[in-house]
Amino acid sequence: MKSESASKSTRKRRQFTQEFKSEAIQLTRSPGQSIARVAKDLGISEGNLRNWIKQADTDAGRGPHGALTTAEREELSALRREIKQLRMEREILRKAAAYFAKEQI
Protein backbone atom coordinates (compact mmCIF):
# COMPACT_ATOMS: atom_id res chain seq x y z
CA MET A 1 0.00 0.00 0.00
CA LYS A 2 1.45 3.34 -1.04
CA SER A 3 1.36 6.18 1.40
CA GLU A 4 -0.15 9.48 0.37
CA SER A 5 3.22 11.26 0.52
CA ALA A 6 4.81 8.65 -1.78
CA SER A 7 2.23 9.23 -4.49
CA LYS A 8 2.78 13.00 -4.36
CA SER A 9 6.51 12.65 -4.98
CA THR A 10 5.98 10.70 -8.21
CA ARG A 11 4.67 13.64 -10.21
CA LYS A 12 5.88 14.04 -13.77
CA ARG A 13 8.93 16.26 -14.32
CA ARG A 14 8.31 19.28 -16.49
CA GLN A 15 10.40 19.59 -19.64
CA PHE A 16 11.49 23.00 -20.90
CA THR A 17 12.62 23.75 -24.43
CA GLN A 18 15.99 25.30 -25.11
CA GLU A 19 14.21 28.38 -26.49
CA PHE A 20 12.30 28.82 -23.22
CA LYS A 21 15.51 28.54 -21.22
CA SER A 22 17.31 31.03 -23.47
CA GLU A 23 14.50 33.56 -23.19
CA ALA A 24 14.38 33.16 -19.40
CA ILE A 25 18.14 33.80 -19.21
CA GLN A 26 17.81 36.87 -21.43
CA LEU A 27 15.07 38.22 -19.17
CA THR A 28 17.34 37.97 -16.12
CA ARG A 29 20.07 39.89 -17.92
CA SER A 30 17.83 42.81 -18.81
CA PRO A 31 18.11 45.86 -16.52
CA GLY A 32 15.89 45.87 -13.45
CA GLN A 33 15.08 42.16 -13.54
CA SER A 34 16.13 39.85 -10.72
CA ILE A 35 16.41 36.10 -10.94
CA ALA A 36 13.76 35.71 -8.25
CA ARG A 37 11.29 37.96 -10.10
CA VAL A 38 11.79 36.28 -13.49
CA ALA A 39 11.46 32.81 -11.93
CA LYS A 40 8.24 33.78 -10.18
CA ASP A 41 6.80 35.36 -13.33
CA LEU A 42 7.60 32.25 -15.40
CA GLY A 43 6.42 29.78 -12.75
CA ILE A 44 9.75 28.03 -12.36
CA SER A 45 12.02 27.60 -9.37
CA GLU A 46 14.84 30.02 -8.70
CA GLY A 47 17.25 27.11 -8.47
CA ASN A 48 16.40 25.90 -11.98
CA LEU A 49 16.88 29.37 -13.42
CA ARG A 50 20.21 29.82 -11.62
CA ASN A 51 21.39 26.43 -12.97
CA TRP A 52 20.38 27.43 -16.51
CA ILE A 53 22.30 30.70 -16.20
CA LYS A 54 25.37 28.93 -14.84
CA GLN A 55 25.27 26.36 -17.67
CA ALA A 56 24.81 29.08 -20.29
CA ASP A 57 27.85 30.91 -18.90
CA THR A 58 29.87 27.68 -19.01
CA ASP A 59 28.79 27.01 -22.61
CA ALA A 60 29.87 30.55 -23.52
CA GLY A 61 33.31 30.02 -21.98
CA ARG A 62 32.69 32.18 -18.91
CA GLY A 63 32.17 29.36 -16.43
CA PRO A 64 34.44 28.01 -13.72
CA HIS A 65 37.59 26.16 -14.73
CA GLY A 66 36.91 22.49 -15.43
CA ALA A 67 33.12 22.85 -15.76
CA LEU A 68 31.59 20.73 -18.52
CA THR A 69 29.73 22.32 -21.40
CA THR A 70 26.36 20.95 -22.47
CA ALA A 71 27.95 19.09 -25.38
CA GLU A 72 30.53 17.54 -23.08
CA ARG A 73 27.83 16.50 -20.62
CA GLU A 74 25.87 14.81 -23.41
CA GLU A 75 28.97 13.00 -24.64
CA LEU A 76 29.81 11.86 -21.11
CA SER A 77 26.29 10.55 -20.63
CA ALA A 78 26.42 8.64 -23.92
CA LEU A 79 29.80 7.14 -23.05
CA ARG A 80 28.53 6.03 -19.64
CA ARG A 81 25.54 4.31 -21.28
CA GLU A 82 27.88 2.59 -23.72
CA ILE A 83 30.18 1.41 -20.93
CA LYS A 84 27.21 0.00 -19.03
CA GLN A 85 26.06 -1.89 -22.14
CA LEU A 86 29.55 -3.24 -22.84
CA ARG A 87 29.94 -4.43 -19.24
CA MET A 88 26.62 -6.29 -19.44
CA GLU A 89 27.65 -7.91 -22.74
CA ARG A 90 31.04 -8.89 -21.31
CA GLU A 91 29.36 -10.48 -18.27
CA ILE A 92 27.01 -12.47 -20.51
CA LEU A 93 29.93 -13.69 -22.62
CA ARG A 94 31.92 -14.61 -19.51
CA LYS A 95 29.02 -16.69 -18.17
CA ALA A 96 28.48 -18.33 -21.55
CA ALA A 97 32.17 -19.22 -21.81
CA ALA A 98 32.11 -20.72 -18.32
CA TYR A 99 28.98 -22.72 -19.16
CA PHE A 100 30.44 -24.15 -22.39
CA ALA A 101 33.78 -24.87 -20.71
CA LYS A 102 31.93 -26.87 -18.07
CA GLU A 103 30.06 -28.78 -20.81
CA GLN A 104 33.36 -29.75 -22.48
CA ILE A 105 34.67 -31.45 -19.36
PDB file of N, CA and C in Angstrom:
ATOM      1  N   MET A   1       0.836  -1.178   0.000  1.00  0.00           N
ATOM      2  CA  MET A   1       0.000   0.000   0.000  1.00  0.00           C
ATOM      3  C   MET A   1       0.881   1.242   0.000  1.00  0.00           C
ATOM      4  N   LYS A   2       0.653   2.117  -0.945  1.00  0.00           N
ATOM      5  CA  LYS A   2       1.447   3.338  -1.041  1.00  0.00           C
ATOM      6  C   LYS A   2       0.893   4.384  -0.079  1.00  0.00           C
ATOM      7  N   SER A   3       1.801   5.093   0.542  1.00  0.00           N
ATOM      8  CA  SER A   3       1.360   6.180   1.398  1.00  0.00           C
ATOM      9  C   SER A   3       1.010   7.380   0.536  1.00  0.00           C
ATOM     10  N   GLU A   4       0.279   8.312   1.118  1.00  0.00           N
ATOM     11  CA  GLU A   4      -0.148   9.484   0.365  1.00  0.00           C
ATOM     12  C   GLU A   4       1.045  10.347  -0.035  1.00  0.00           C
ATOM     13  N   SER A   5       2.051  10.438   0.838  1.00  0.00           N
ATOM     14  CA  SER A   5       3.220  11.256   0.516  1.00  0.00           C
ATOM     15  C   SER A   5       4.051  10.631  -0.602  1.00  0.00           C
ATOM     16  N   ALA A   6       4.054   9.310  -0.718  1.00  0.00           N
ATOM     17  CA  ALA A   6       4.815   8.653  -1.778  1.00  0.00           C
ATOM     18  C   ALA A   6       4.200   8.932  -3.137  1.00  0.00           C
ATOM     19  N   SER A   7       2.875   8.983  -3.208  1.00  0.00           N
ATOM     20  CA  SER A   7       2.234   9.232  -4.492  1.00  0.00           C
ATOM     21  C   SER A   7       2.416  10.673  -4.937  1.00  0.00           C
ATOM     22  N   LYS A   8       2.566  11.604  -4.002  1.00  0.00           N
ATOM     23  CA  LYS A   8       2.783  13.002  -4.359  1.00  0.00           C
ATOM     24  C   LYS A   8       4.169  13.221  -4.951  1.00  0.00           C
ATOM     25  N   SER A   9       5.141  12.450  -4.512  1.00  0.00           N
ATOM     26  CA  SER A   9       6.507  12.652  -4.982  1.00  0.00           C
ATOM     27  C   SER A   9       6.746  12.041  -6.366  1.00  0.00           C
ATOM     28  N   THR A  10       5.798  11.332  -6.908  1.00  0.00           N
ATOM     29  CA  THR A  10       5.979  10.696  -8.207  1.00  0.00           C
ATOM     30  C   THR A  10       5.333  11.507  -9.335  1.00  0.00           C
ATOM     31  N   ARG A  11       5.244  12.821  -9.145  1.00  0.00           N
ATOM     32  CA  ARG A  11       4.670  13.636 -10.212  1.00  0.00           C
ATOM     33  C   ARG A  11       5.637  13.724 -11.378  1.00  0.00           C
ATOM     34  N   LYS A  12       5.084  13.999 -12.545  1.00  0.00           N
ATOM     35  CA  LYS A  12       5.879  14.038 -13.770  1.00  0.00           C
ATOM     36  C   LYS A  12       6.740  15.293 -13.805  1.00  0.00           C
ATOM     37  N   ARG A  13       8.011  15.120 -14.198  1.00  0.00           N
ATOM     38  CA  ARG A  13       8.926  16.257 -14.318  1.00  0.00           C
ATOM     39  C   ARG A  13       8.553  17.086 -15.533  1.00  0.00           C
ATOM     40  N   ARG A  14       8.600  18.399 -15.367  1.00  0.00           N
ATOM     41  CA  ARG A  14       8.314  19.282 -16.491  1.00  0.00           C
ATOM     42  C   ARG A  14       9.550  19.382 -17.375  1.00  0.00           C
ATOM     43  N   GLN A  15       9.323  19.438 -18.665  1.00  0.00           N
ATOM     44  CA  GLN A  15      10.398  19.585 -19.637  1.00  0.00           C
ATOM     45  C   GLN A  15      10.309  20.988 -20.231  1.00  0.00           C
ATOM     46  N   PHE A  16      11.442  21.656 -20.325  1.00  0.00           N
ATOM     47  CA  PHE A  16      11.488  22.996 -20.898  1.00  0.00           C
ATOM     48  C   PHE A  16      12.337  22.972 -22.165  1.00  0.00           C
ATOM     49  N   THR A  17      11.878  23.692 -23.172  1.00  0.00           N
ATOM     50  CA  THR A  17      12.624  23.746 -24.427  1.00  0.00           C
ATOM     51  C   THR A  17      13.843  24.645 -24.259  1.00  0.00           C
ATOM     52  N   GLN A  18      14.789  24.471 -25.144  1.00  0.00           N
ATOM     53  CA  GLN A  18      15.995  25.298 -25.112  1.00  0.00           C
ATOM     54  C   GLN A  18      15.634  26.760 -25.362  1.00  0.00           C
ATOM     55  N   GLU A  19      14.639  27.012 -26.210  1.00  0.00           N
ATOM     56  CA  GLU A  19      14.212  28.384 -26.493  1.00  0.00           C
ATOM     57  C   GLU A  19      13.665  29.046 -25.239  1.00  0.00           C
ATOM     58  N   PHE A  20      12.863  28.297 -24.462  1.00  0.00           N
ATOM     59  CA  PHE A  20      12.299  28.823 -23.221  1.00  0.00           C
ATOM     60  C   PHE A  20      13.416  29.186 -22.250  1.00  0.00           C
ATOM     61  N   LYS A  21      14.390  28.291 -22.125  1.00  0.00           N
ATOM     62  CA  LYS A  21      15.512  28.542 -21.218  1.00  0.00           C
ATOM     63  C   LYS A  21      16.298  29.774 -21.654  1.00  0.00           C
ATOM     64  N   SER A  22      16.557  29.891 -22.948  1.00  0.00           N
ATOM     65  CA  SER A  22      17.309  31.032 -23.474  1.00  0.00           C
ATOM     66  C   SER A  22      16.583  32.345 -23.212  1.00  0.00           C
ATOM     67  N   GLU A  23      15.280  32.347 -23.428  1.00  0.00           N
ATOM     68  CA  GLU A  23      14.502  33.563 -23.189  1.00  0.00           C
ATOM     69  C   GLU A  23      14.474  33.916 -21.708  1.00  0.00           C
ATOM     70  N   ALA A  24      14.375  32.915 -20.845  1.00  0.00           N
ATOM     71  CA  ALA A  24      14.380  33.162 -19.405  1.00  0.00           C
ATOM     72  C   ALA A  24      15.718  33.768 -18.985  1.00  0.00           C
ATOM     73  N   ILE A  25      16.812  33.271 -19.529  1.00  0.00           N
ATOM     74  CA  ILE A  25      18.140  33.796 -19.209  1.00  0.00           C
ATOM     75  C   ILE A  25      18.262  35.233 -19.694  1.00  0.00           C
ATOM     76  N   GLN A  26      17.754  35.504 -20.896  1.00  0.00           N
ATOM     77  CA  GLN A  26      17.813  36.871 -21.435  1.00  0.00           C
ATOM     78  C   GLN A  26      17.011  37.826 -20.561  1.00  0.00           C
ATOM     79  N   LEU A  27      15.879  37.365 -20.039  1.00  0.00           N
ATOM     80  CA  LEU A  27      15.072  38.222 -19.170  1.00  0.00           C
ATOM     81  C   LEU A  27      15.834  38.597 -17.902  1.00  0.00           C
ATOM     82  N   THR A  28      16.596  37.664 -17.344  1.00  0.00           N
ATOM     83  CA  THR A  28      17.336  37.969 -16.119  1.00  0.00           C
ATOM     84  C   THR A  28      18.468  38.944 -16.375  1.00  0.00           C
ATOM     85  N   ARG A  29      18.954  38.996 -17.598  1.00  0.00           N
ATOM     86  CA  ARG A  29      20.070  39.886 -17.916  1.00  0.00           C
ATOM     87  C   ARG A  29      19.625  41.277 -18.340  1.00  0.00           C
ATOM     88  N   SER A  30      18.315  41.471 -18.467  1.00  0.00           N
ATOM     89  CA  SER A  30      17.833  42.806 -18.807  1.00  0.00           C
ATOM     90  C   SER A  30      17.817  43.663 -17.536  1.00  0.00           C
ATOM     91  N   PRO A  31      18.015  44.970 -17.690  1.00  0.00           N
ATOM     92  CA  PRO A  31      18.105  45.861 -16.519  1.00  0.00           C
ATOM     93  C   PRO A  31      16.826  45.835 -15.669  1.00  0.00           C
ATOM     94  N   GLY A  32      17.018  45.814 -14.374  1.00  0.00           N
ATOM     95  CA  GLY A  32      15.887  45.868 -13.449  1.00  0.00           C
ATOM     96  C   GLY A  32      15.204  44.548 -13.187  1.00  0.00           C
ATOM     97  N   GLN A  33      15.704  43.465 -13.737  1.00  0.00           N
ATOM     98  CA  GLN A  33      15.082  42.155 -13.541  1.00  0.00           C
ATOM     99  C   GLN A  33      15.965  41.290 -12.645  1.00  0.00           C
ATOM    100  N   SER A  34      15.387  40.758 -11.592  1.00  0.00           N
ATOM    101  CA  SER A  34      16.132  39.854 -10.721  1.00  0.00           C
ATOM    102  C   SER A  34      15.788  38.413 -11.086  1.00  0.00           C
ATOM    103  N   ILE A  35      16.647  37.522 -10.678  1.00  0.00           N
ATOM    104  CA  ILE A  35      16.408  36.102 -10.939  1.00  0.00           C
ATOM    105  C   ILE A  35      15.127  35.650 -10.244  1.00  0.00           C
ATOM    106  N   ALA A  36      14.951  36.099  -9.017  1.00  0.00           N
ATOM    107  CA  ALA A  36      13.760  35.709  -8.250  1.00  0.00           C
ATOM    108  C   ALA A  36      12.484  36.172  -8.946  1.00  0.00           C
ATOM    109  N   ARG A  37      12.474  37.410  -9.448  1.00  0.00           N
ATOM    110  CA  ARG A  37      11.288  37.961 -10.099  1.00  0.00           C
ATOM    111  C   ARG A  37      10.976  37.218 -11.408  1.00  0.00           C
ATOM    112  N   VAL A  38      11.982  36.983 -12.206  1.00  0.00           N
ATOM    113  CA  VAL A  38      11.788  36.282 -13.486  1.00  0.00           C
ATOM    114  C   VAL A  38      11.285  34.861 -13.225  1.00  0.00           C
ATOM    115  N   ALA A  39      11.881  34.180 -12.255  1.00  0.00           N
ATOM    116  CA  ALA A  39      11.464  32.814 -11.933  1.00  0.00           C
ATOM    117  C   ALA A  39      10.009  32.791 -11.495  1.00  0.00           C
ATOM    118  N   LYS A  40       9.628  33.723 -10.650  1.00  0.00           N
ATOM    119  CA  LYS A  40       8.237  33.777 -10.179  1.00  0.00           C
ATOM    120  C   LYS A  40       7.284  34.068 -11.336  1.00  0.00           C
ATOM    121  N   ASP A  41       7.654  35.013 -12.192  1.00  0.00           N
ATOM    122  CA  ASP A  41       6.800  35.365 -13.334  1.00  0.00           C
ATOM    123  C   ASP A  41       6.615  34.192 -14.294  1.00  0.00           C
ATOM    124  N   LEU A  42       7.666  33.377 -14.464  1.00  0.00           N
ATOM    125  CA  LEU A  42       7.601  32.250 -15.396  1.00  0.00           C
ATOM    126  C   LEU A  42       7.066  30.971 -14.748  1.00  0.00           C
ATOM    127  N   GLY A  43       6.935  30.968 -13.433  1.00  0.00           N
ATOM    128  CA  GLY A  43       6.418  29.784 -12.749  1.00  0.00           C
ATOM    129  C   GLY A  43       7.430  28.658 -12.638  1.00  0.00           C
ATOM    130  N   ILE A  44       8.695  29.029 -12.519  1.00  0.00           N
ATOM    131  CA  ILE A  44       9.752  28.028 -12.356  1.00  0.00           C
ATOM    132  C   ILE A  44      10.499  28.323 -11.056  1.00  0.00           C
ATOM    133  N   SER A  45      11.283  27.379 -10.611  1.00  0.00           N
ATOM    134  CA  SER A  45      12.021  27.600  -9.372  1.00  0.00           C
ATOM    135  C   SER A  45      13.264  28.449  -9.640  1.00  0.00           C
ATOM    136  N   GLU A  46      13.638  29.203  -8.599  1.00  0.00           N
ATOM    137  CA  GLU A  46      14.843  30.025  -8.702  1.00  0.00           C
ATOM    138  C   GLU A  46      16.073  29.169  -8.960  1.00  0.00           C
ATOM    139  N   GLY A  47      16.113  28.003  -8.318  1.00  0.00           N
ATOM    140  CA  GLY A  47      17.253  27.105  -8.475  1.00  0.00           C
ATOM    141  C   GLY A  47      17.434  26.648  -9.909  1.00  0.00           C
ATOM    142  N   ASN A  48      16.319  26.306 -10.567  1.00  0.00           N
ATOM    143  CA  ASN A  48      16.400  25.905 -11.978  1.00  0.00           C
ATOM    144  C   ASN A  48      16.962  27.030 -12.824  1.00  0.00           C
ATOM    145  N   LEU A  49      16.439  28.229 -12.618  1.00  0.00           N
ATOM    146  CA  LEU A  49      16.876  29.367 -13.417  1.00  0.00           C
ATOM    147  C   LEU A  49      18.351  29.662 -13.166  1.00  0.00           C
ATOM    148  N   ARG A  50      18.790  29.596 -11.927  1.00  0.00           N
ATOM    149  CA  ARG A  50      20.209  29.817 -11.616  1.00  0.00           C
ATOM    150  C   ARG A  50      21.090  28.763 -12.298  1.00  0.00           C
ATOM    151  N   ASN A  51      20.629  27.501 -12.297  1.00  0.00           N
ATOM    152  CA  ASN A  51      21.385  26.434 -12.972  1.00  0.00           C
ATOM    153  C   ASN A  51      21.473  26.679 -14.476  1.00  0.00           C
ATOM    154  N   TRP A  52      20.375  27.140 -15.077  1.00  0.00           N
ATOM    155  CA  TRP A  52      20.378  27.427 -16.510  1.00  0.00           C
ATOM    156  C   TRP A  52      21.366  28.544 -16.830  1.00  0.00           C
ATOM    157  N   ILE A  53      21.392  29.576 -15.988  1.00  0.00           N
ATOM    158  CA  ILE A  53      22.302  30.702 -16.203  1.00  0.00           C
ATOM    159  C   ILE A  53      23.746  30.231 -16.075  1.00  0.00           C
ATOM    160  N   LYS A  54      24.013  29.439 -15.047  1.00  0.00           N
ATOM    161  CA  LYS A  54      25.371  28.929 -14.835  1.00  0.00           C
ATOM    162  C   LYS A  54      25.818  28.066 -16.019  1.00  0.00           C
ATOM    163  N   GLN A  55      24.923  27.209 -16.536  1.00  0.00           N
ATOM    164  CA  GLN A  55      25.272  26.356 -17.667  1.00  0.00           C
ATOM    165  C   GLN A  55      25.475  27.183 -18.927  1.00  0.00           C
ATOM    166  N   ALA A  56      24.654  28.207 -19.116  1.00  0.00           N
ATOM    167  CA  ALA A  56      24.807  29.076 -20.294  1.00  0.00           C
ATOM    168  C   ALA A  56      26.148  29.808 -20.241  1.00  0.00           C
ATOM    169  N   ASP A  57      26.546  30.250 -19.045  1.00  0.00           N
ATOM    170  CA  ASP A  57      27.847  30.906 -18.903  1.00  0.00           C
ATOM    171  C   ASP A  57      28.980  29.925 -19.204  1.00  0.00           C
ATOM    172  N   THR A  58      28.847  28.701 -18.746  1.00  0.00           N
ATOM    173  CA  THR A  58      29.865  27.685 -19.008  1.00  0.00           C
ATOM    174  C   THR A  58      29.952  27.392 -20.507  1.00  0.00           C
ATOM    175  N   ASP A  59      28.802  27.266 -21.164  1.00  0.00           N
ATOM    176  CA  ASP A  59      28.792  27.010 -22.609  1.00  0.00           C
ATOM    177  C   ASP A  59      29.431  28.161 -23.390  1.00  0.00           C
ATOM    178  N   ALA A  60      29.306  29.375 -22.848  1.00  0.00           N
ATOM    179  CA  ALA A  60      29.873  30.551 -23.516  1.00  0.00           C
ATOM    180  C   ALA A  60      31.340  30.770 -23.168  1.00  0.00           C
ATOM    181  N   GLY A  61      31.899  29.897 -22.329  1.00  0.00           N
ATOM    182  CA  GLY A  61      33.311  30.018 -21.976  1.00  0.00           C
ATOM    183  C   GLY A  61      33.572  30.918 -20.786  1.00  0.00           C
ATOM    184  N   ARG A  62      32.517  31.302 -20.059  1.00  0.00           N
ATOM    185  CA  ARG A  62      32.687  32.180 -18.908  1.00  0.00           C
ATOM    186  C   ARG A  62      32.476  31.443 -17.588  1.00  0.00           C
ATOM    187  N   GLY A  63      32.432  30.136 -17.642  1.00  0.00           N
ATOM    188  CA  GLY A  63      32.169  29.355 -16.435  1.00  0.00           C
ATOM    189  C   GLY A  63      33.431  29.063 -15.655  1.00  0.00           C
ATOM    190  N   PRO A  64      33.275  28.368 -14.538  1.00  0.00           N
ATOM    191  CA  PRO A  64      34.443  28.007 -13.724  1.00  0.00           C
ATOM    192  C   PRO A  64      35.345  27.032 -14.468  1.00  0.00           C
ATOM    193  N   HIS A  65      36.612  27.039 -14.095  1.00  0.00           N
ATOM    194  CA  HIS A  65      37.594  26.160 -14.727  1.00  0.00           C
ATOM    195  C   HIS A  65      37.209  24.700 -14.491  1.00  0.00           C
ATOM    196  N   GLY A  66      37.200  23.913 -15.545  1.00  0.00           N
ATOM    197  CA  GLY A  66      36.910  22.493 -15.431  1.00  0.00           C
ATOM    198  C   GLY A  66      35.437  22.138 -15.538  1.00  0.00           C
ATOM    199  N   ALA A  67      34.553  23.127 -15.634  1.00  0.00           N
ATOM    200  CA  ALA A  67      33.120  22.846 -15.760  1.00  0.00           C
ATOM    201  C   ALA A  67      32.829  22.309 -17.154  1.00  0.00           C
ATOM    202  N   LEU A  68      31.917  21.361 -17.242  1.00  0.00           N
ATOM    203  CA  LEU A  68      31.586  20.733 -18.518  1.00  0.00           C
ATOM    204  C   LEU A  68      30.530  21.530 -19.272  1.00  0.00           C
ATOM    205  N   THR A  69      30.742  21.688 -20.568  1.00  0.00           N
ATOM    206  CA  THR A  69      29.727  22.323 -21.400  1.00  0.00           C
ATOM    207  C   THR A  69      28.598  21.331 -21.635  1.00  0.00           C
ATOM    208  N   THR A  70      27.510  21.813 -22.199  1.00  0.00           N
ATOM    209  CA  THR A  70      26.363  20.951 -22.469  1.00  0.00           C
ATOM    210  C   THR A  70      26.744  19.814 -23.408  1.00  0.00           C
ATOM    211  N   ALA A  71      27.517  20.124 -24.435  1.00  0.00           N
ATOM    212  CA  ALA A  71      27.947  19.087 -25.384  1.00  0.00           C
ATOM    213  C   ALA A  71      28.804  18.035 -24.687  1.00  0.00           C
ATOM    214  N   GLU A  72      29.684  18.480 -23.809  1.00  0.00           N
ATOM    215  CA  GLU A  72      30.533  17.541 -23.080  1.00  0.00           C
ATOM    216  C   GLU A  72      29.716  16.675 -22.127  1.00  0.00           C
ATOM    217  N   ARG A  73      28.709  17.271 -21.510  1.00  0.00           N
ATOM    218  CA  ARG A  73      27.830  16.498 -20.620  1.00  0.00           C
ATOM    219  C   ARG A  73      27.081  15.416 -21.399  1.00  0.00           C
ATOM    220  N   GLU A  74      26.585  15.773 -22.584  1.00  0.00           N
ATOM    221  CA  GLU A  74      25.869  14.806 -23.414  1.00  0.00           C
ATOM    222  C   GLU A  74      26.785  13.673 -23.842  1.00  0.00           C
ATOM    223  N   GLU A  75      28.016  14.019 -24.231  1.00  0.00           N
ATOM    224  CA  GLU A  75      28.971  13.001 -24.638  1.00  0.00           C
ATOM    225  C   GLU A  75      29.313  12.079 -23.468  1.00  0.00           C
ATOM    226  N   LEU A  76      29.506  12.650 -22.294  1.00  0.00           N
ATOM    227  CA  LEU A  76      29.813  11.859 -21.108  1.00  0.00           C
ATOM    228  C   LEU A  76      28.672  10.900 -20.784  1.00  0.00           C
ATOM    229  N   SER A  77      27.456  11.387 -20.892  1.00  0.00           N
ATOM    230  CA  SER A  77      26.288  10.547 -20.629  1.00  0.00           C
ATOM    231  C   SER A  77      26.209   9.394 -21.626  1.00  0.00           C
ATOM    232  N   ALA A  78      26.456   9.688 -22.903  1.00  0.00           N
ATOM    233  CA  ALA A  78      26.419   8.642 -23.925  1.00  0.00           C
ATOM    234  C   ALA A  78      27.515   7.604 -23.688  1.00  0.00           C
ATOM    235  N   LEU A  79      28.698   8.069 -23.316  1.00  0.00           N
ATOM    236  CA  LEU A  79      29.798   7.144 -23.051  1.00  0.00           C
ATOM    237  C   LEU A  79      29.508   6.262 -21.836  1.00  0.00           C
ATOM    238  N   ARG A  80      28.888   6.828 -20.818  1.00  0.00           N
ATOM    239  CA  ARG A  80      28.532   6.029 -19.640  1.00  0.00           C
ATOM    240  C   ARG A  80      27.505   4.951 -19.984  1.00  0.00           C
ATOM    241  N   ARG A  81      26.523   5.311 -20.833  1.00  0.00           N
ATOM    242  CA  ARG A  81      25.542   4.306 -21.278  1.00  0.00           C
ATOM    243  C   ARG A  81      26.232   3.196 -22.056  1.00  0.00           C
ATOM    244  N   GLU A  82      27.163   3.572 -22.924  1.00  0.00           N
ATOM    245  CA  GLU A  82      27.882   2.588 -23.724  1.00  0.00           C
ATOM    246  C   GLU A  82      28.726   1.669 -22.843  1.00  0.00           C
ATOM    247  N   ILE A  83      29.380   2.226 -21.852  1.00  0.00           N
ATOM    248  CA  ILE A  83      30.181   1.410 -20.927  1.00  0.00           C
ATOM    249  C   ILE A  83      29.288   0.424 -20.182  1.00  0.00           C
ATOM    250  N   LYS A  84      28.139   0.880 -19.739  1.00  0.00           N
ATOM    251  CA  LYS A  84      27.208  -0.003 -19.033  1.00  0.00           C
ATOM    252  C   LYS A  84      26.785  -1.166 -19.927  1.00  0.00           C
ATOM    253  N   GLN A  85      26.470  -0.864 -21.179  1.00  0.00           N
ATOM    254  CA  GLN A  85      26.056  -1.891 -22.136  1.00  0.00           C
ATOM    255  C   GLN A  85      27.193  -2.891 -22.383  1.00  0.00           C
ATOM    256  N   LEU A  86      28.398  -2.371 -22.584  1.00  0.00           N
ATOM    257  CA  LEU A  86      29.545  -3.243 -22.843  1.00  0.00           C
ATOM    258  C   LEU A  86      29.851  -4.143 -21.648  1.00  0.00           C
ATOM    259  N   ARG A  87      29.705  -3.616 -20.448  1.00  0.00           N
ATOM    260  CA  ARG A  87      29.936  -4.433 -19.244  1.00  0.00           C
ATOM    261  C   ARG A  87      28.917  -5.560 -19.134  1.00  0.00           C
ATOM    262  N   MET A  88      27.656  -5.248 -19.470  1.00  0.00           N
ATOM    263  CA  MET A  88      26.625  -6.295 -19.443  1.00  0.00           C
ATOM    264  C   MET A  88      26.934  -7.368 -20.482  1.00  0.00           C
ATOM    265  N   GLU A  89      27.316  -6.952 -21.686  1.00  0.00           N
ATOM    266  CA  GLU A  89      27.647  -7.910 -22.738  1.00  0.00           C
ATOM    267  C   GLU A  89      28.845  -8.767 -22.340  1.00  0.00           C
ATOM    268  N   ARG A  90      29.863  -8.139 -21.753  1.00  0.00           N
ATOM    269  CA  ARG A  90      31.038  -8.891 -21.307  1.00  0.00           C
ATOM    270  C   ARG A  90      30.665  -9.920 -20.248  1.00  0.00           C
ATOM    271  N   GLU A  91      29.779  -9.554 -19.326  1.00  0.00           N
ATOM    272  CA  GLU A  91      29.355 -10.477 -18.273  1.00  0.00           C
ATOM    273  C   GLU A  91      28.593 -11.669 -18.865  1.00  0.00           C
ATOM    274  N   ILE A  92      27.747 -11.393 -19.853  1.00  0.00           N
ATOM    275  CA  ILE A  92      27.006 -12.469 -20.512  1.00  0.00           C
ATOM    276  C   ILE A  92      27.974 -13.415 -21.219  1.00  0.00           C
ATOM    277  N   LEU A  93      28.946 -12.861 -21.926  1.00  0.00           N
ATOM    278  CA  LEU A  93      29.932 -13.694 -22.621  1.00  0.00           C
ATOM    279  C   LEU A  93      30.784 -14.500 -21.640  1.00  0.00           C
ATOM    280  N   ARG A  94      31.130 -13.900 -20.520  1.00  0.00           N
ATOM    281  CA  ARG A  94      31.916 -14.606 -19.506  1.00  0.00           C
ATOM    282  C   ARG A  94      31.138 -15.806 -18.966  1.00  0.00           C
ATOM    283  N   LYS A  95      29.858 -15.594 -18.679  1.00  0.00           N
ATOM    284  CA  LYS A  95      29.024 -16.685 -18.168  1.00  0.00           C
ATOM    285  C   LYS A  95      28.829 -17.772 -19.226  1.00  0.00           C
ATOM    286  N   ALA A  96      28.659 -17.356 -20.479  1.00  0.00           N
ATOM    287  CA  ALA A  96      28.483 -18.335 -21.551  1.00  0.00           C
ATOM    288  C   ALA A  96      29.758 -19.161 -21.732  1.00  0.00           C
ATOM    289  N   ALA A  97      30.899 -18.508 -21.669  1.00  0.00           N
ATOM    290  CA  ALA A  97      32.166 -19.225 -21.813  1.00  0.00           C
ATOM    291  C   ALA A  97      32.350 -20.220 -20.680  1.00  0.00           C
ATOM    292  N   ALA A  98      31.998 -19.814 -19.466  1.00  0.00           N
ATOM    293  CA  ALA A  98      32.105 -20.722 -18.320  1.00  0.00           C
ATOM    294  C   ALA A  98      31.150 -21.909 -18.476  1.00  0.00           C
ATOM    295  N   TYR A  99      29.969 -21.660 -18.972  1.00  0.00           N
ATOM    296  CA  TYR A  99      28.979 -22.721 -19.163  1.00  0.00           C
ATOM    297  C   TYR A  99      29.483 -23.727 -20.195  1.00  0.00           C
ATOM    298  N   PHE A 100      29.987 -23.240 -21.335  1.00  0.00           N
ATOM    299  CA  PHE A 100      30.443 -24.147 -22.386  1.00  0.00           C
ATOM    300  C   PHE A 100      31.727 -24.861 -21.994  1.00  0.00           C
ATOM    301  N   ALA A 101      32.559 -24.211 -21.197  1.00  0.00           N
ATOM    302  CA  ALA A 101      33.779 -24.872 -20.707  1.00  0.00           C
ATOM    303  C   ALA A 101      33.399 -26.014 -19.783  1.00  0.00           C
ATOM    304  N   LYS A 102      32.379 -25.819 -18.982  1.00  0.00           N
ATOM    305  CA  LYS A 102      31.926 -26.870 -18.066  1.00  0.00           C
ATOM    306  C   LYS A 102      31.337 -28.034 -18.849  1.00  0.00           C
ATOM    307  N   GLU A 103      30.655 -27.742 -19.952  1.00  0.00           N
ATOM    308  CA  GLU A 103      30.059 -28.777 -20.807  1.00  0.00           C
ATOM    309  C   GLU A 103      31.132 -29.634 -21.467  1.00  0.00           C
ATOM    310  N   GLN A 104      32.293 -29.052 -21.798  1.00  0.00           N
ATOM    311  CA  GLN A 104      33.356 -29.749 -22.482  1.00  0.00           C
ATOM    312  C   GLN A 104      34.030 -30.790 -21.575  1.00  0.00           C
ATOM    313  N   ILE A 105      33.972 -30.558 -20.286  1.00  0.00           N
ATOM    314  CA  ILE A 105      34.667 -31.454 -19.360  1.00  0.00           C
ATOM    315  C   ILE A 105      33.884 -32.674 -19.058  1.00  0.00           C
TER     316      ILE A 105
END
